[in-house]
């Protein structure tokens, strides 16, 4: 197991991102992957910036964020995708 901390820009408002992340469908996907979300926080200076702390199997989140085939899933939350093109 490893912890992953992500700090990133959003294409939408934090509240929209947070709603997506805590939705039952998203949480079911995380559960199937063995991923727990420990923290979802917003920047006080930039309402389109978020920090999230996850815990899951080694490389599972890295693989999702670095795989161009999962780009649409990543972007659906509002996270601005910065992985391979």
PDB file of N, CA and C in Angstrom:
ATOM      1  N   UNK A   1       0.853  -1.187   0.000  1.00  0.00           N
ATOM      2  CA  UNK A   1       0.000   0.000   0.000  1.00  0.00           C
ATOM      3  C   UNK A   1       0.890   1.238   0.000  1.00  0.00           C
ATOM      4  N   UNK A   2       0.378   2.262  -0.691  1.00  0.00           N
ATOM      5  CA  UNK A   2       1.102   3.524  -0.702  1.00  0.00           C
ATOM      6  C   UNK A   2       0.110   4.674  -0.623  1.00  0.00           C
ATOM      7  N   UNK A   3       0.587   5.802  -0.120  1.00  0.00           N
ATOM      8  CA  UNK A   3      -0.217   7.017  -0.092  1.00  0.00           C
ATOM      9  C   UNK A   3       0.217   7.887  -1.259  1.00  0.00           C
ATOM     10  N   UNK A   4      -0.754   8.526  -1.896  1.00  0.00           N
ATOM     11  CA  UNK A   4      -0.505   9.413  -3.021  1.00  0.00           C
ATOM     12  C   UNK A   4      -1.141  10.756  -2.710  1.00  0.00           C
ATOM     13  N   UNK A   5      -0.368  11.812  -2.860  1.00  0.00           N
ATOM     14  CA  UNK A   5      -0.869  13.168  -2.650  1.00  0.00           C
ATOM     15  C   UNK A   5      -0.861  13.871  -4.002  1.00  0.00           C
ATOM     16  N   UNK A   6      -2.023  14.354  -4.394  1.00  0.00           N
ATOM     17  CA  UNK A   6      -2.157  15.078  -5.659  1.00  0.00           C
ATOM     18  C   UNK A   6      -2.561  16.518  -5.376  1.00  0.00           C
ATOM     19  N   UNK A   7      -1.900  17.443  -6.023  1.00  0.00           N
ATOM     20  CA  UNK A   7      -2.239  18.860  -5.956  1.00  0.00           C
ATOM     21  C   UNK A   7      -2.377  19.320  -7.405  1.00  0.00           C
ATOM     22  N   UNK A   8      -3.539  19.841  -7.795  1.00  0.00           N
ATOM     23  CA  UNK A   8      -3.786  20.081  -9.208  1.00  0.00           C
ATOM     24  C   UNK A   8      -4.806  21.176  -9.447  1.00  0.00           C
ATOM     25  N   UNK A   9      -4.818  21.666 -10.684  1.00  0.00           N
ATOM     26  CA  UNK A   9      -5.792  22.643 -11.145  1.00  0.00           C
ATOM     27  C   UNK A   9      -7.059  21.922 -11.586  1.00  0.00           C
ATOM     28  N   UNK A  10      -8.168  22.617 -11.462  1.00  0.00           N
ATOM     29  CA  UNK A  10      -9.469  22.100 -11.871  1.00  0.00           C
ATOM     30  C   UNK A  10     -10.012  22.905 -13.041  1.00  0.00           C
ATOM     31  N   UNK A  11     -10.787  22.241 -13.869  1.00  0.00           N
ATOM     32  CA  UNK A  11     -11.474  22.934 -14.960  1.00  0.00           C
ATOM     33  C   UNK A  11     -12.848  23.431 -14.511  1.00  0.00           C
ATOM     34  N   UNK A  12     -13.241  23.040 -13.311  1.00  0.00           N
ATOM     35  CA  UNK A  12     -14.525  23.461 -12.753  1.00  0.00           C
ATOM     36  C   UNK A  12     -14.283  24.004 -11.339  1.00  0.00           C
ATOM     37  N   UNK A  13     -15.319  24.276 -10.603  1.00  0.00           N
ATOM     38  CA  UNK A  13     -15.174  24.747  -9.228  1.00  0.00           C
ATOM     39  C   UNK A  13     -14.923  23.566  -8.298  1.00  0.00           C
ATOM     40  N   UNK A  14     -14.278  23.860  -7.184  1.00  0.00           N
ATOM     41  CA  UNK A  14     -13.953  22.809  -6.225  1.00  0.00           C
ATOM     42  C   UNK A  14     -15.195  22.031  -5.798  1.00  0.00           C
ATOM     43  N   UNK A  15     -16.282  22.711  -5.548  1.00  0.00           N
ATOM     44  CA  UNK A  15     -17.499  22.045  -5.075  1.00  0.00           C
ATOM     45  C   UNK A  15     -17.988  21.005  -6.078  1.00  0.00           C
ATOM     46  N   UNK A  16     -17.858  21.297  -7.371  1.00  0.00           N
ATOM     47  CA  UNK A  16     -18.250  20.328  -8.398  1.00  0.00           C
ATOM     48  C   UNK A  16     -17.313  19.121  -8.374  1.00  0.00           C
ATOM     49  N   UNK A  17     -16.033  19.386  -8.228  1.00  0.00           N
ATOM     50  CA  UNK A  17     -15.047  18.302  -8.152  1.00  0.00           C
ATOM     51  C   UNK A  17     -15.324  17.416  -6.933  1.00  0.00           C
ATOM     52  N   UNK A  18     -15.535  18.046  -5.798  1.00  0.00           N
ATOM     53  CA  UNK A  18     -15.787  17.296  -4.559  1.00  0.00           C
ATOM     54  C   UNK A  18     -17.047  16.440  -4.693  1.00  0.00           C
ATOM     55  N   UNK A  19     -18.101  16.983  -5.271  1.00  0.00           N
ATOM     56  CA  UNK A  19     -19.342  16.216  -5.473  1.00  0.00           C
ATOM     57  C   UNK A  19     -19.089  14.983  -6.327  1.00  0.00           C
ATOM     58  N   UNK A  20     -18.295  15.152  -7.377  1.00  0.00           N
ATOM     59  CA  UNK A  20     -17.947  14.019  -8.246  1.00  0.00           C
ATOM     60  C   UNK A  20     -17.181  12.963  -7.456  1.00  0.00           C
ATOM     61  N   UNK A  21     -16.225  13.399  -6.659  1.00  0.00           N
ATOM     62  CA  UNK A  21     -15.357  12.464  -5.937  1.00  0.00           C
ATOM     63  C   UNK A  21     -16.094  11.670  -4.852  1.00  0.00           C
ATOM     64  N   UNK A  22     -17.081  12.285  -4.230  1.00  0.00           N
ATOM     65  CA  UNK A  22     -17.783  11.581  -3.150  1.00  0.00           C
ATOM     66  C   UNK A  22     -19.036  10.849  -3.631  1.00  0.00           C
ATOM     67  N   UNK A  23     -19.331  10.971  -4.911  1.00  0.00           N
ATOM     68  CA  UNK A  23     -20.500  10.287  -5.482  1.00  0.00           C
ATOM     69  C   UNK A  23     -20.351   8.772  -5.346  1.00  0.00           C
ATOM     70  N   UNK A  24     -21.476   8.102  -5.178  1.00  0.00           N
ATOM     71  CA  UNK A  24     -21.490   6.650  -4.980  1.00  0.00           C
ATOM     72  C   UNK A  24     -20.765   5.902  -6.102  1.00  0.00           C
ATOM     73  N   UNK A  25     -20.983   6.308  -7.343  1.00  0.00           N
ATOM     74  CA  UNK A  25     -20.346   5.636  -8.480  1.00  0.00           C
ATOM     75  C   UNK A  25     -18.811   5.743  -8.407  1.00  0.00           C
ATOM     76  N   UNK A  26     -18.325   6.930  -8.076  1.00  0.00           N
ATOM     77  CA  UNK A  26     -16.877   7.125  -7.972  1.00  0.00           C
ATOM     78  C   UNK A  26     -16.303   6.320  -6.810  1.00  0.00           C
ATOM     79  N   UNK A  27     -16.999   6.343  -5.687  1.00  0.00           N
ATOM     80  CA  UNK A  27     -16.519   5.597  -4.520  1.00  0.00           C
ATOM     81  C   UNK A  27     -16.536   4.092  -4.774  1.00  0.00           C
ATOM     82  N   UNK A  28     -17.522   3.605  -5.531  1.00  0.00           N
ATOM     83  CA  UNK A  28     -17.562   2.185  -5.899  1.00  0.00           C
ATOM     84  C   UNK A  28     -16.350   1.811  -6.741  1.00  0.00           C
ATOM     85  N   UNK A  29     -15.999   2.684  -7.690  1.00  0.00           N
ATOM     86  CA  UNK A  29     -14.827   2.427  -8.521  1.00  0.00           C
ATOM     87  C   UNK A  29     -13.570   2.374  -7.656  1.00  0.00           C
ATOM     88  N   UNK A  30     -13.432   3.329  -6.734  1.00  0.00           N
ATOM     89  CA  UNK A  30     -12.271   3.322  -5.841  1.00  0.00           C
ATOM     90  C   UNK A  30     -12.241   2.054  -4.991  1.00  0.00           C
ATOM     91  N   UNK A  31     -13.394   1.642  -4.473  1.00  0.00           N
ATOM     92  CA  UNK A  31     -13.455   0.424  -3.654  1.00  0.00           C
ATOM     93  C   UNK A  31     -13.001  -0.796  -4.443  1.00  0.00           C
ATOM     94  N   UNK A  32     -13.432  -0.902  -5.685  1.00  0.00           N
ATOM     95  CA  UNK A  32     -13.020  -2.028  -6.539  1.00  0.00           C
ATOM     96  C   UNK A  32     -11.513  -2.038  -6.770  1.00  0.00           C
ATOM     97  N   UNK A  33     -10.912  -0.844  -6.802  1.00  0.00           N
ATOM     98  CA  UNK A  33      -9.469  -0.714  -7.014  1.00  0.00           C
ATOM     99  C   UNK A  33      -8.684  -0.853  -5.707  1.00  0.00           C
ATOM    100  N   UNK A  34      -9.383  -0.865  -4.566  1.00  0.00           N
ATOM    101  CA  UNK A  34      -8.713  -0.922  -3.277  1.00  0.00           C
ATOM    102  C   UNK A  34      -8.166   0.418  -2.834  1.00  0.00           C
ATOM    103  N   UNK A  35      -8.776   1.513  -3.318  1.00  0.00           N
ATOM    104  CA  UNK A  35      -8.297   2.861  -3.027  1.00  0.00           C
ATOM    105  C   UNK A  35      -9.218   3.538  -2.010  1.00  0.00           C
ATOM    106  N   UNK A  36      -8.607   4.178  -1.004  1.00  0.00           N
ATOM    107  CA  UNK A  36      -9.344   4.968  -0.018  1.00  0.00           C
ATOM    108  C   UNK A  36      -8.964   6.428  -0.202  1.00  0.00           C
ATOM    109  N   UNK A  37      -9.942   7.304  -0.082  1.00  0.00           N
ATOM    110  CA  UNK A  37      -9.695   8.741  -0.127  1.00  0.00           C
ATOM    111  C   UNK A  37      -9.650   9.247   1.312  1.00  0.00           C
ATOM    112  N   UNK A  38      -8.519   9.812   1.714  1.00  0.00           N
ATOM    113  CA  UNK A  38      -8.366  10.313   3.075  1.00  0.00           C
ATOM    114  C   UNK A  38      -8.681  11.792   3.208  1.00  0.00           C
ATOM    115  N   UNK A  39      -8.458  12.545   2.148  1.00  0.00           N
ATOM    116  CA  UNK A  39      -8.605  13.990   2.253  1.00  0.00           C
ATOM    117  C   UNK A  39      -8.903  14.572   0.876  1.00  0.00           C
ATOM    118  N   UNK A  40      -9.873  15.474   0.819  1.00  0.00           N
ATOM    119  CA  UNK A  40     -10.154  16.265  -0.373  1.00  0.00           C
ATOM    120  C   UNK A  40     -10.234  17.704   0.113  1.00  0.00           C
ATOM    121  N   UNK A  41      -9.267  18.512  -0.288  1.00  0.00           N
ATOM    122  CA  UNK A  41      -9.226  19.887   0.196  1.00  0.00           C
ATOM    123  C   UNK A  41      -9.080  20.894  -0.915  1.00  0.00           C
ATOM    124  N   UNK A  42      -9.565  22.107  -0.644  1.00  0.00           N
ATOM    125  CA  UNK A  42      -9.472  23.169  -1.638  1.00  0.00           C
ATOM    126  C   UNK A  42      -8.445  24.205  -1.203  1.00  0.00           C
ATOM    127  N   UNK A  43      -7.922  24.882  -2.170  1.00  0.00           N
ATOM    128  CA  UNK A  43      -7.003  25.975  -1.923  1.00  0.00           C
ATOM    129  C   UNK A  43      -7.797  27.181  -1.436  1.00  0.00           C
ATOM    130  N   UNK A  44      -7.270  27.879  -0.468  1.00  0.00           N
ATOM    131  CA  UNK A  44      -7.929  29.093  -0.001  1.00  0.00           C
ATOM    132  C   UNK A  44      -7.668  30.259  -0.951  1.00  0.00           C
ATOM    133  N   UNK A  45      -6.609  30.149  -1.743  1.00  0.00           N
ATOM    134  CA  UNK A  45      -6.226  31.217  -2.662  1.00  0.00           C
ATOM    135  C   UNK A  45      -6.762  31.021  -4.076  1.00  0.00           C
ATOM    136  N   UNK A  46      -7.078  29.794  -4.441  1.00  0.00           N
ATOM    137  CA  UNK A  46      -7.476  29.485  -5.820  1.00  0.00           C
ATOM    138  C   UNK A  46      -8.614  28.469  -5.779  1.00  0.00           C
ATOM    139  N   UNK A  47      -9.827  28.911  -6.066  1.00  0.00           N
ATOM    140  CA  UNK A  47     -10.998  28.036  -5.971  1.00  0.00           C
ATOM    141  C   UNK A  47     -11.029  26.948  -7.040  1.00  0.00           C
ATOM    142  N   UNK A  48     -10.074  26.981  -7.962  1.00  0.00           N
ATOM    143  CA  UNK A  48      -9.991  25.937  -8.978  1.00  0.00           C
ATOM    144  C   UNK A  48      -8.717  25.120  -8.785  1.00  0.00           C
ATOM    145  N   UNK A  49      -8.346  24.910  -7.534  1.00  0.00           N
ATOM    146  CA  UNK A  49      -7.192  24.085  -7.192  1.00  0.00           C
ATOM    147  C   UNK A  49      -7.601  23.166  -6.040  1.00  0.00           C
ATOM    148  N   UNK A  50      -7.155  21.904  -6.101  1.00  0.00           N
ATOM    149  CA  UNK A  50      -7.510  20.927  -5.072  1.00  0.00           C
ATOM    150  C   UNK A  50      -6.297  20.098  -4.686  1.00  0.00           C
ATOM    151  N   UNK A  51      -6.356  19.560  -3.478  1.00  0.00           N
ATOM    152  CA  UNK A  51      -5.365  18.604  -2.991  1.00  0.00           C
ATOM    153  C   UNK A  51      -6.133  17.399  -2.490  1.00  0.00           C
ATOM    154  N   UNK A  52      -5.688  16.202  -2.900  1.00  0.00           N
ATOM    155  CA  UNK A  52      -6.345  14.963  -2.490  1.00  0.00           C
ATOM    156  C   UNK A  52      -5.280  13.982  -2.009  1.00  0.00           C
ATOM    157  N   UNK A  53      -5.598  13.265  -0.931  1.00  0.00           N
ATOM    158  CA  UNK A  53      -4.712  12.218  -0.423  1.00  0.00           C
ATOM    159  C   UNK A  53      -5.443  10.887  -0.538  1.00  0.00           C
ATOM    160  N   UNK A  54      -4.818   9.968  -1.256  1.00  0.00           N
ATOM    161  CA  UNK A  54      -5.356   8.627  -1.476  1.00  0.00           C
ATOM    162  C   UNK A  54      -4.424   7.592  -0.845  1.00  0.00           C
ATOM    163  N   UNK A  55      -4.969   6.409  -0.557  1.00  0.00           N
ATOM    164  CA  UNK A  55      -4.157   5.247  -0.214  1.00  0.00           C
ATOM    165  C   UNK A  55      -4.674   4.071  -1.016  1.00  0.00           C
ATOM    166  N   UNK A  56      -3.742   3.319  -1.593  1.00  0.00           N
ATOM    167  CA  UNK A  56      -4.148   2.173  -2.398  1.00  0.00           C
ATOM    168  C   UNK A  56      -2.966   1.302  -2.738  1.00  0.00           C
ATOM    169  N   UNK A  57      -3.204   0.251  -3.495  1.00  0.00           N
ATOM    170  CA  UNK A  57      -2.125  -0.638  -3.917  1.00  0.00           C
ATOM    171  C   UNK A  57      -1.049   0.146  -4.673  1.00  0.00           C
ATOM    172  N   UNK A  58       0.160  -0.336  -4.576  1.00  0.00           N
ATOM    173  CA  UNK A  58       1.292   0.332  -5.215  1.00  0.00           C
ATOM    174  C   UNK A  58       1.040   0.567  -6.702  1.00  0.00           C
ATOM    175  N   UNK A  59       1.272   1.780  -7.131  1.00  0.00           N
ATOM    176  CA  UNK A  59       1.179   2.240  -8.522  1.00  0.00           C
ATOM    177  C   UNK A  59      -0.226   2.304  -9.107  1.00  0.00           C
ATOM    178  N   UNK A  60      -1.262   1.949  -8.389  1.00  0.00           N
ATOM    179  CA  UNK A  60      -2.603   1.942  -8.987  1.00  0.00           C
ATOM    180  C   UNK A  60      -3.012   3.350  -9.432  1.00  0.00           C
ATOM    181  N   UNK A  61      -2.776   4.351  -8.602  1.00  0.00           N
ATOM    182  CA  UNK A  61      -3.147   5.712  -8.992  1.00  0.00           C
ATOM    183  C   UNK A  61      -2.189   6.272 -10.030  1.00  0.00           C
ATOM    184  N   UNK A  62      -0.930   5.967  -9.899  1.00  0.00           N
ATOM    185  CA  UNK A  62       0.050   6.389 -10.901  1.00  0.00           C
ATOM    186  C   UNK A  62      -0.348   5.867 -12.274  1.00  0.00           C
ATOM    187  N   UNK A  63      -0.729   4.611 -12.325  1.00  0.00           N
ATOM    188  CA  UNK A  63      -1.121   4.004 -13.601  1.00  0.00           C
ATOM    189  C   UNK A  63      -2.341   4.691 -14.211  1.00  0.00           C
ATOM    190  N   UNK A  64      -3.296   5.073 -13.385  1.00  0.00           N
ATOM    191  CA  UNK A  64      -4.494   5.759 -13.885  1.00  0.00           C
ATOM    192  C   UNK A  64      -4.130   7.132 -14.446  1.00  0.00           C
ATOM    193  N   UNK A  65      -3.309   7.876 -13.713  1.00  0.00           N
ATOM    194  CA  UNK A  65      -2.988   9.239 -14.130  1.00  0.00           C
ATOM    195  C   UNK A  65      -1.980   9.302 -15.267  1.00  0.00           C
ATOM    196  N   UNK A  66      -1.212   8.266 -15.463  1.00  0.00           N
ATOM    197  CA  UNK A  66      -0.194   8.287 -16.510  1.00  0.00           C
ATOM    198  C   UNK A  66      -0.641   7.575 -17.787  1.00  0.00           C
ATOM    199  N   UNK A  67      -1.772   6.910 -17.762  1.00  0.00           N
ATOM    200  CA  UNK A  67      -2.248   6.153 -18.912  1.00  0.00           C
ATOM    201  C   UNK A  67      -3.151   7.045 -19.777  1.00  0.00           C
ATOM    202  N   UNK A  68      -2.739   7.349 -21.022  1.00  0.00           N
ATOM    203  CA  UNK A  68      -3.574   8.190 -21.888  1.00  0.00           C
ATOM    204  C   UNK A  68      -4.976   7.616 -22.122  1.00  0.00           C
ATOM    205  N   UNK A  69      -5.138   6.306 -21.977  1.00  0.00           N
ATOM    206  CA  UNK A  69      -6.452   5.681 -22.196  1.00  0.00           C
ATOM    207  C   UNK A  69      -7.450   6.026 -21.096  1.00  0.00           C
ATOM    208  N   UNK A  70      -6.973   6.463 -19.931  1.00  0.00           N
ATOM    209  CA  UNK A  70      -7.878   6.822 -18.836  1.00  0.00           C
ATOM    210  C   UNK A  70      -8.047   8.338 -18.725  1.00  0.00           C
ATOM    211  N   UNK A  71      -7.545   9.069 -19.713  1.00  0.00           N
ATOM    212  CA  UNK A  71      -7.625  10.534 -19.702  1.00  0.00           C
ATOM    213  C   UNK A  71      -9.062  11.018 -19.513  1.00  0.00           C
ATOM    214  N   UNK A  72     -10.012  10.429 -20.218  1.00  0.00           N
ATOM    215  CA  UNK A  72     -11.404  10.888 -20.120  1.00  0.00           C
ATOM    216  C   UNK A  72     -11.975  10.671 -18.724  1.00  0.00           C
ATOM    217  N   UNK A  73     -11.575   9.596 -18.050  1.00  0.00           N
ATOM    218  CA  UNK A  73     -12.040   9.335 -16.679  1.00  0.00           C
ATOM    219  C   UNK A  73     -11.476  10.378 -15.730  1.00  0.00           C
ATOM    220  N   UNK A  74     -10.202  10.674 -15.889  1.00  0.00           N
ATOM    221  CA  UNK A  74      -9.541  11.667 -15.043  1.00  0.00           C
ATOM    222  C   UNK A  74     -10.180  13.041 -15.254  1.00  0.00           C
ATOM    223  N   UNK A  75     -10.372  13.418 -16.499  1.00  0.00           N
ATOM    224  CA  UNK A  75     -10.932  14.741 -16.802  1.00  0.00           C
ATOM    225  C   UNK A  75     -12.401  14.876 -16.426  1.00  0.00           C
ATOM    226  N   UNK A  76     -13.134  13.778 -16.333  1.00  0.00           N
ATOM    227  CA  UNK A  76     -14.553  13.837 -15.983  1.00  0.00           C
ATOM    228  C   UNK A  76     -14.776  14.445 -14.605  1.00  0.00           C
ATOM    229  N   UNK A  77     -13.816  14.328 -13.728  1.00  0.00           N
ATOM    230  CA  UNK A  77     -13.932  14.878 -12.382  1.00  0.00           C
ATOM    231  C   UNK A  77     -13.708  16.372 -12.369  1.00  0.00           C
ATOM    232  N   UNK A  78     -13.069  16.902 -13.402  1.00  0.00           N
ATOM    233  CA  UNK A  78     -12.720  18.315 -13.435  1.00  0.00           C
ATOM    234  C   UNK A  78     -11.228  18.536 -13.287  1.00  0.00           C
ATOM    235  N   UNK A  79     -10.495  17.477 -12.968  1.00  0.00           N
ATOM    236  CA  UNK A  79      -9.055  17.570 -12.850  1.00  0.00           C
ATOM    237  C   UNK A  79      -8.460  17.861 -14.217  1.00  0.00           C
ATOM    238  N   UNK A  80      -7.572  18.833 -14.293  1.00  0.00           N
ATOM    239  CA  UNK A  80      -6.918  19.149 -15.554  1.00  0.00           C
ATOM    240  C   UNK A  80      -5.804  18.124 -15.753  1.00  0.00           C
ATOM    241  N   UNK A  81      -5.976  17.307 -16.767  1.00  0.00           N
ATOM    242  CA  UNK A  81      -5.074  16.191 -17.054  1.00  0.00           C
ATOM    243  C   UNK A  81      -3.714  16.704 -17.493  1.00  0.00           C
ATOM    244  N   UNK A  82      -2.679  16.237 -16.817  1.00  0.00           N
ATOM    245  CA  UNK A  82      -1.323  16.657 -17.168  1.00  0.00           C
ATOM    246  C   UNK A  82      -0.433  15.458 -17.455  1.00  0.00           C
ATOM    247  N   UNK A  83      -1.036  14.319 -17.782  1.00  0.00           N
ATOM    248  CA  UNK A  83      -0.270  13.111 -18.072  1.00  0.00           C
ATOM    249  C   UNK A  83       0.193  13.098 -19.518  1.00  0.00           C
ATOM    250  N   UNK A  84       0.691  11.964 -19.986  1.00  0.00           N
ATOM    251  CA  UNK A  84       1.153  11.855 -21.376  1.00  0.00           C
ATOM    252  C   UNK A  84       0.036  12.173 -22.353  1.00  0.00           C
ATOM    253  N   UNK A  85       0.399  12.713 -23.473  1.00  0.00           N
ATOM    254  CA  UNK A  85      -0.594  13.090 -24.477  1.00  0.00           C
ATOM    255  C   UNK A  85      -0.726  12.031 -25.542  1.00  0.00           C
TER     256      UNK A  85
END
